[in-house]
PDB file of all heavy atoms in Angstrom:
ATOM      1  N   SER A   1     -57.954  22.870 228.434  1.00  0.00           N
ATOM      2  CA  SER A   1     -58.765  21.694 228.682  1.00  0.00           C
ATOM      3  C   SER A   1     -60.282  22.034 228.659  1.00  0.00           C
ATOM      4  O   SER A   1     -61.095  21.105 228.690  1.00  0.00           O
ATOM      5  CB  SER A   1     -58.439  21.026 229.955  1.00  0.00           C
ATOM      6  OG  SER A   1     -58.627  21.937 231.033  1.00  0.00           O
ATOM      7  N   ALA A   2     -60.660  23.321 228.623  1.00  0.00           N
ATOM      8  CA  ALA A   2     -62.084  23.714 228.680  1.00  0.00           C
ATOM      9  C   ALA A   2     -62.341  24.744 227.553  1.00  0.00           C
ATOM     10  O   ALA A   2     -61.530  25.567 227.307  1.00  0.00           O
ATOM     11  CB  ALA A   2     -62.359  24.296 230.058  1.00  0.00           C
ATOM     12  N   MET A   3     -63.600  24.653 227.003  1.00  0.00           N
ATOM     13  CA  MET A   3     -63.977  25.620 225.991  1.00  0.00           C
ATOM     14  C   MET A   3     -65.446  26.087 226.401  1.00  0.00           C
ATOM     15  O   MET A   3     -66.379  25.373 226.192  1.00  0.00           O
ATOM     16  CB  MET A   3     -64.021  24.914 224.650  1.00  0.00           C
ATOM     17  CG  MET A   3     -64.480  25.862 223.466  1.00  0.00           C
ATOM     18  SD  MET A   3     -64.625  24.915 221.914  1.00  0.00           S
ATOM     19  CE  MET A   3     -66.036  23.831 222.238  1.00  0.00           C
ATOM     20  N   PRO A   4     -65.528  27.272 226.896  1.00  0.00           N
ATOM     21  CA  PRO A   4     -66.865  27.845 227.248  1.00  0.00           C
ATOM     22  C   PRO A   4     -67.644  28.088 225.987  1.00  0.00           C
ATOM     23  O   PRO A   4     -67.163  28.524 224.991  1.00  0.00           O
ATOM     24  CB  PRO A   4     -66.534  29.188 227.910  1.00  0.00           C
ATOM     25  CG  PRO A   4     -65.134  29.004 228.416  1.00  0.00           C
ATOM     26  CD  PRO A   4     -64.460  28.138 227.369  1.00  0.00           C
ATOM     27  N   THR A   5     -69.017  27.775 226.070  1.00  0.00           N
ATOM     28  CA  THR A   5     -69.824  27.905 224.896  1.00  0.00           C
ATOM     29  C   THR A   5     -71.291  28.044 225.258  1.00  0.00           C
ATOM     30  O   THR A   5     -71.626  27.946 226.500  1.00  0.00           O
ATOM     31  CB  THR A   5     -69.562  26.744 223.942  1.00  0.00           C
ATOM     32  OG1 THR A   5     -70.149  27.005 222.679  1.00  0.00           O
ATOM     33  CG2 THR A   5     -70.219  25.417 224.554  1.00  0.00           C
ATOM     34  N   PHE A   6     -72.168  28.352 224.233  1.00  0.00           N
ATOM     35  CA  PHE A   6     -73.643  28.276 224.471  1.00  0.00           C
ATOM     36  C   PHE A   6     -74.144  27.089 223.676  1.00  0.00           C
ATOM     37  O   PHE A   6     -73.449  26.614 222.698  1.00  0.00           O
ATOM     38  CB  PHE A   6     -74.264  29.578 223.914  1.00  0.00           C
ATOM     39  CG  PHE A   6     -74.170  30.771 224.828  1.00  0.00           C
ATOM     40  CD1 PHE A   6     -74.117  31.990 224.236  1.00  0.00           C
ATOM     41  CD2 PHE A   6     -74.178  30.616 226.175  1.00  0.00           C
ATOM     42  CE1 PHE A   6     -74.111  33.131 225.035  1.00  0.00           C
ATOM     43  CE2 PHE A   6     -74.123  31.766 227.007  1.00  0.00           C
ATOM     44  CZ  PHE A   6     -74.064  33.040 226.441  1.00  0.00           C
ATOM     45  N   SER A   7     -75.359  26.677 224.023  1.00  0.00           N
ATOM     46  CA  SER A   7     -75.923  25.518 223.305  1.00  0.00           C
ATOM     47  C   SER A   7     -76.694  25.872 222.085  1.00  0.00           C
ATOM     48  O   SER A   7     -76.898  25.065 221.188  1.00  0.00           O
ATOM     49  CB  SER A   7     -76.855  24.803 224.332  1.00  0.00           C
ATOM     50  OG  SER A   7     -78.012  25.541 224.556  1.00  0.00           O
ATOM     51  N   GLY A   8     -77.181  27.158 221.965  1.00  0.00           N
ATOM     52  CA  GLY A   8     -78.166  27.473 220.990  1.00  0.00           C
ATOM     53  C   GLY A   8     -79.508  27.134 221.491  1.00  0.00           C
ATOM     54  O   GLY A   8     -79.685  26.485 222.537  1.00  0.00           O
ATOM     55  N   ALA A   9     -80.550  27.479 220.691  1.00  0.00           N
ATOM     56  CA  ALA A   9     -81.926  27.262 221.114  1.00  0.00           C
ATOM     57  C   ALA A   9     -82.900  27.083 220.002  1.00  0.00           C
ATOM     58  O   ALA A   9     -82.930  27.898 219.075  1.00  0.00           O
ATOM     59  CB  ALA A   9     -82.320  28.507 221.927  1.00  0.00           C
ATOM     60  N   LEU A  10     -83.625  26.011 220.059  1.00  0.00           N
ATOM     61  CA  LEU A  10     -84.689  25.716 219.170  1.00  0.00           C
ATOM     62  C   LEU A  10     -86.037  25.776 219.954  1.00  0.00           C
ATOM     63  O   LEU A  10     -87.048  26.215 219.312  1.00  0.00           O
ATOM     64  CB  LEU A  10     -84.553  24.265 218.601  1.00  0.00           C
ATOM     65  CG  LEU A  10     -83.354  24.059 217.749  1.00  0.00           C
ATOM     66  CD1 LEU A  10     -83.233  22.533 217.380  1.00  0.00           C
ATOM     67  CD2 LEU A  10     -83.337  24.925 216.445  1.00  0.00           C
ATOM     68  N   ALA A  11     -86.033  25.554 221.252  1.00  0.00           N
ATOM     69  CA  ALA A  11     -87.305  25.493 221.996  1.00  0.00           C
ATOM     70  C   ALA A  11     -87.514  26.780 222.811  1.00  0.00           C
ATOM     71  O   ALA A  11     -88.672  26.904 223.307  1.00  0.00           O
ATOM     72  CB  ALA A  11     -87.243  24.280 222.990  1.00  0.00           C
ATOM     73  N   TRP A  12     -86.602  27.678 222.901  1.00  0.00           N
ATOM     74  CA  TRP A  12     -86.719  28.842 223.739  1.00  0.00           C
ATOM     75  C   TRP A  12     -87.961  29.668 223.474  1.00  0.00           C
ATOM     76  O   TRP A  12     -88.598  30.136 224.429  1.00  0.00           O
ATOM     77  CB  TRP A  12     -85.423  29.684 223.664  1.00  0.00           C
ATOM     78  CG  TRP A  12     -85.508  30.875 224.573  1.00  0.00           C
ATOM     79  CD1 TRP A  12     -85.785  32.196 224.171  1.00  0.00           C
ATOM     80  CD2 TRP A  12     -85.313  30.882 225.979  1.00  0.00           C
ATOM     81  NE1 TRP A  12     -85.709  33.023 225.277  1.00  0.00           N
ATOM     82  CE2 TRP A  12     -85.480  32.216 226.434  1.00  0.00           C
ATOM     83  CE3 TRP A  12     -85.122  29.886 226.885  1.00  0.00           C
ATOM     84  CZ2 TRP A  12     -85.403  32.589 227.753  1.00  0.00           C
ATOM     85  CZ3 TRP A  12     -84.938  30.230 228.255  1.00  0.00           C
ATOM     86  CH2 TRP A  12     -85.135  31.583 228.665  1.00  0.00           C
ATOM     87  N   PRO A  13     -88.423  29.843 222.263  1.00  0.00           N
ATOM     88  CA  PRO A  13     -89.640  30.624 222.073  1.00  0.00           C
ATOM     89  C   PRO A  13     -90.842  30.012 222.706  1.00  0.00           C
ATOM     90  O   PRO A  13     -91.912  30.727 222.902  1.00  0.00           O
ATOM     91  CB  PRO A  13     -89.795  30.649 220.506  1.00  0.00           C
ATOM     92  CG  PRO A  13     -88.482  30.499 219.983  1.00  0.00           C
ATOM     93  CD  PRO A  13     -87.759  29.467 220.942  1.00  0.00           C
ATOM     94  N   PHE A  14     -90.791  28.762 223.080  1.00  0.00           N
ATOM     95  CA  PHE A  14     -91.904  28.048 223.683  1.00  0.00           C
ATOM     96  C   PHE A  14     -91.681  27.811 225.155  1.00  0.00           C
ATOM     97  O   PHE A  14     -92.210  26.861 225.761  1.00  0.00           O
ATOM     98  CB  PHE A  14     -92.147  26.725 222.937  1.00  0.00           C
ATOM     99  CG  PHE A  14     -92.150  26.918 221.428  1.00  0.00           C
ATOM    100  CD1 PHE A  14     -91.024  26.575 220.655  1.00  0.00           C
ATOM    101  CD2 PHE A  14     -93.316  27.421 220.781  1.00  0.00           C
ATOM    102  CE1 PHE A  14     -91.086  26.792 219.259  1.00  0.00           C
ATOM    103  CE2 PHE A  14     -93.362  27.606 219.434  1.00  0.00           C
ATOM    104  CZ  PHE A  14     -92.228  27.281 218.679  1.00  0.00           C
ATOM    105  N   LEU A  15     -90.847  28.619 225.780  1.00  0.00           N
ATOM    106  CA  LEU A  15     -90.474  28.437 227.227  1.00  0.00           C
ATOM    107  C   LEU A  15     -91.728  28.378 228.067  1.00  0.00           C
ATOM    108  O   LEU A  15     -91.895  27.520 228.920  1.00  0.00           O
ATOM    109  CB  LEU A  15     -89.556  29.544 227.619  1.00  0.00           C
ATOM    110  CG  LEU A  15     -89.175  29.583 229.110  1.00  0.00           C
ATOM    111  CD1 LEU A  15     -88.269  28.362 229.414  1.00  0.00           C
ATOM    112  CD2 LEU A  15     -88.519  30.889 229.498  1.00  0.00           C
ATOM    113  N   TYR A  16     -92.626  29.333 227.913  1.00  0.00           N
ATOM    114  CA  TYR A  16     -93.820  29.357 228.742  1.00  0.00           C
ATOM    115  C   TYR A  16     -94.905  28.511 228.075  1.00  0.00           C
ATOM    116  O   TYR A  16     -95.198  28.626 226.892  1.00  0.00           O
ATOM    117  CB  TYR A  16     -94.362  30.787 228.875  1.00  0.00           C
ATOM    118  CG  TYR A  16     -95.295  30.949 230.015  1.00  0.00           C
ATOM    119  CD1 TYR A  16     -94.786  31.048 231.336  1.00  0.00           C
ATOM    120  CD2 TYR A  16     -96.635  31.062 229.798  1.00  0.00           C
ATOM    121  CE1 TYR A  16     -95.628  31.165 232.400  1.00  0.00           C
ATOM    122  CE2 TYR A  16     -97.552  31.183 230.843  1.00  0.00           C
ATOM    123  CZ  TYR A  16     -97.109  31.245 232.145  1.00  0.00           C
ATOM    124  OH  TYR A  16     -97.901  31.370 233.220  1.00  0.00           O
ATOM    125  N   PRO A  17     -95.524  27.618 228.747  1.00  0.00           N
ATOM    126  CA  PRO A  17     -96.479  26.637 228.177  1.00  0.00           C
ATOM    127  C   PRO A  17     -97.831  27.210 227.885  1.00  0.00           C
ATOM    128  O   PRO A  17     -98.896  26.535 228.174  1.00  0.00           O
ATOM    129  CB  PRO A  17     -96.498  25.538 229.248  1.00  0.00           C
ATOM    130  CG  PRO A  17     -96.251  26.244 230.530  1.00  0.00           C
ATOM    131  CD  PRO A  17     -95.293  27.286 230.249  1.00  0.00           C
ATOM    132  N   PHE A  18     -97.885  28.334 227.303  1.00  0.00           N
ATOM    133  CA  PHE A  18     -99.138  28.887 226.786  1.00  0.00           C
ATOM    134  C   PHE A  18     -98.811  29.842 225.567  1.00  0.00           C
ATOM    135  O   PHE A  18     -97.942  30.698 225.771  1.00  0.00           O
ATOM    136  CB  PHE A  18     -99.876  29.706 227.815  1.00  0.00           C
ATOM    137  CG  PHE A  18    -101.255  30.204 227.356  1.00  0.00           C
ATOM    138  CD1 PHE A  18    -102.360  29.286 227.480  1.00  0.00           C
ATOM    139  CD2 PHE A  18    -101.353  31.416 226.797  1.00  0.00           C
ATOM    140  CE1 PHE A  18    -103.606  29.727 226.970  1.00  0.00           C
ATOM    141  CE2 PHE A  18    -102.664  31.818 226.252  1.00  0.00           C
ATOM    142  CZ  PHE A  18    -103.742  30.940 226.426  1.00  0.00           C
ATOM    143  N   PRO A  19     -99.385  29.695 224.436  1.00  0.00           N
ATOM    144  CA  PRO A  19    -100.449  28.702 224.129  1.00  0.00           C
ATOM    145  C   PRO A  19     -99.973  27.225 224.405  1.00  0.00           C
ATOM    146  O   PRO A  19     -98.767  27.036 224.345  1.00  0.00           O
ATOM    147  CB  PRO A  19    -100.737  28.929 222.678  1.00  0.00           C
ATOM    148  CG  PRO A  19    -100.267  30.297 222.366  1.00  0.00           C
ATOM    149  CD  PRO A  19     -99.132  30.558 223.256  1.00  0.00           C
ATOM    150  N   GLN A  20    -100.857  26.406 224.672  1.00  0.00           N
ATOM    151  CA  GLN A  20    -100.484  25.004 224.970  1.00  0.00           C
ATOM    152  C   GLN A  20     -99.563  24.426 223.907  1.00  0.00           C
ATOM    153  O   GLN A  20     -99.854  24.540 222.710  1.00  0.00           O
ATOM    154  CB  GLN A  20    -101.773  24.204 225.138  1.00  0.00           C
ATOM    155  CG  GLN A  20    -101.499  22.767 225.708  1.00  0.00           C
ATOM    156  CD  GLN A  20    -102.803  21.975 225.855  1.00  0.00           C
ATOM    157  OE1 GLN A  20    -103.491  21.844 224.938  1.00  0.00           O
ATOM    158  NE2 GLN A  20    -102.992  21.555 227.078  1.00  0.00           N
ATOM    159  N   ARG A  21     -98.516  23.882 224.359  1.00  0.00           N
ATOM    160  CA  ARG A  21     -97.571  23.248 223.412  1.00  0.00           C
ATOM    161  C   ARG A  21     -98.140  21.812 222.956  1.00  0.00           C
ATOM    162  O   ARG A  21     -98.617  21.085 223.799  1.00  0.00           O
ATOM    163  CB  ARG A  21     -96.211  23.045 224.053  1.00  0.00           C
ATOM    164  CG  ARG A  21     -95.525  24.344 224.508  1.00  0.00           C
ATOM    165  CD  ARG A  21     -94.120  24.108 224.984  1.00  0.00           C
ATOM    166  NE  ARG A  21     -94.026  23.343 226.196  1.00  0.00           N
ATOM    167  CZ  ARG A  21     -93.515  23.752 227.302  1.00  0.00           C
ATOM    168  NH1 ARG A  21     -93.024  24.966 227.464  1.00  0.00           N
ATOM    169  NH2 ARG A  21     -93.495  22.922 228.398  1.00  0.00           N
ATOM    170  N   PRO A  22     -98.008  21.585 221.742  1.00  0.00           N
ATOM    171  CA  PRO A  22     -98.384  20.213 221.223  1.00  0.00           C
ATOM    172  C   PRO A  22     -97.452  19.170 221.834  1.00  0.00           C
ATOM    173  O   PRO A  22     -96.297  19.396 222.039  1.00  0.00           O
ATOM    174  CB  PRO A  22     -98.243  20.290 219.719  1.00  0.00           C
ATOM    175  CG  PRO A  22     -97.285  21.387 219.479  1.00  0.00           C
ATOM    176  CD  PRO A  22     -97.443  22.378 220.592  1.00  0.00           C
ATOM    177  N   PRO A  23     -97.972  17.958 222.158  1.00  0.00           N
ATOM    178  CA  PRO A  23     -97.188  16.952 222.698  1.00  0.00           C
ATOM    179  C   PRO A  23     -95.945  16.626 221.878  1.00  0.00           C
ATOM    180  O   PRO A  23     -96.004  16.568 220.608  1.00  0.00           O
ATOM    181  CB  PRO A  23     -98.224  15.699 222.713  1.00  0.00           C
ATOM    182  CG  PRO A  23     -99.549  16.301 222.739  1.00  0.00           C
ATOM    183  CD  PRO A  23     -99.435  17.593 221.956  1.00  0.00           C
ATOM    184  N   GLY A  24     -94.826  16.451 222.533  1.00  0.00           N
ATOM    185  CA  GLY A  24     -93.633  16.120 221.783  1.00  0.00           C
ATOM    186  C   GLY A  24     -92.752  17.260 221.191  1.00  0.00           C
ATOM    187  O   GLY A  24     -91.680  17.040 220.714  1.00  0.00           O
TER     188      GLY A  24
END
């Protein structure tokens, strides 16, 4: 009934908000 998994990552390289992230 359960399947362990990861989500993957598109935003991870921008985890820390510097340089400032563009809005959106």
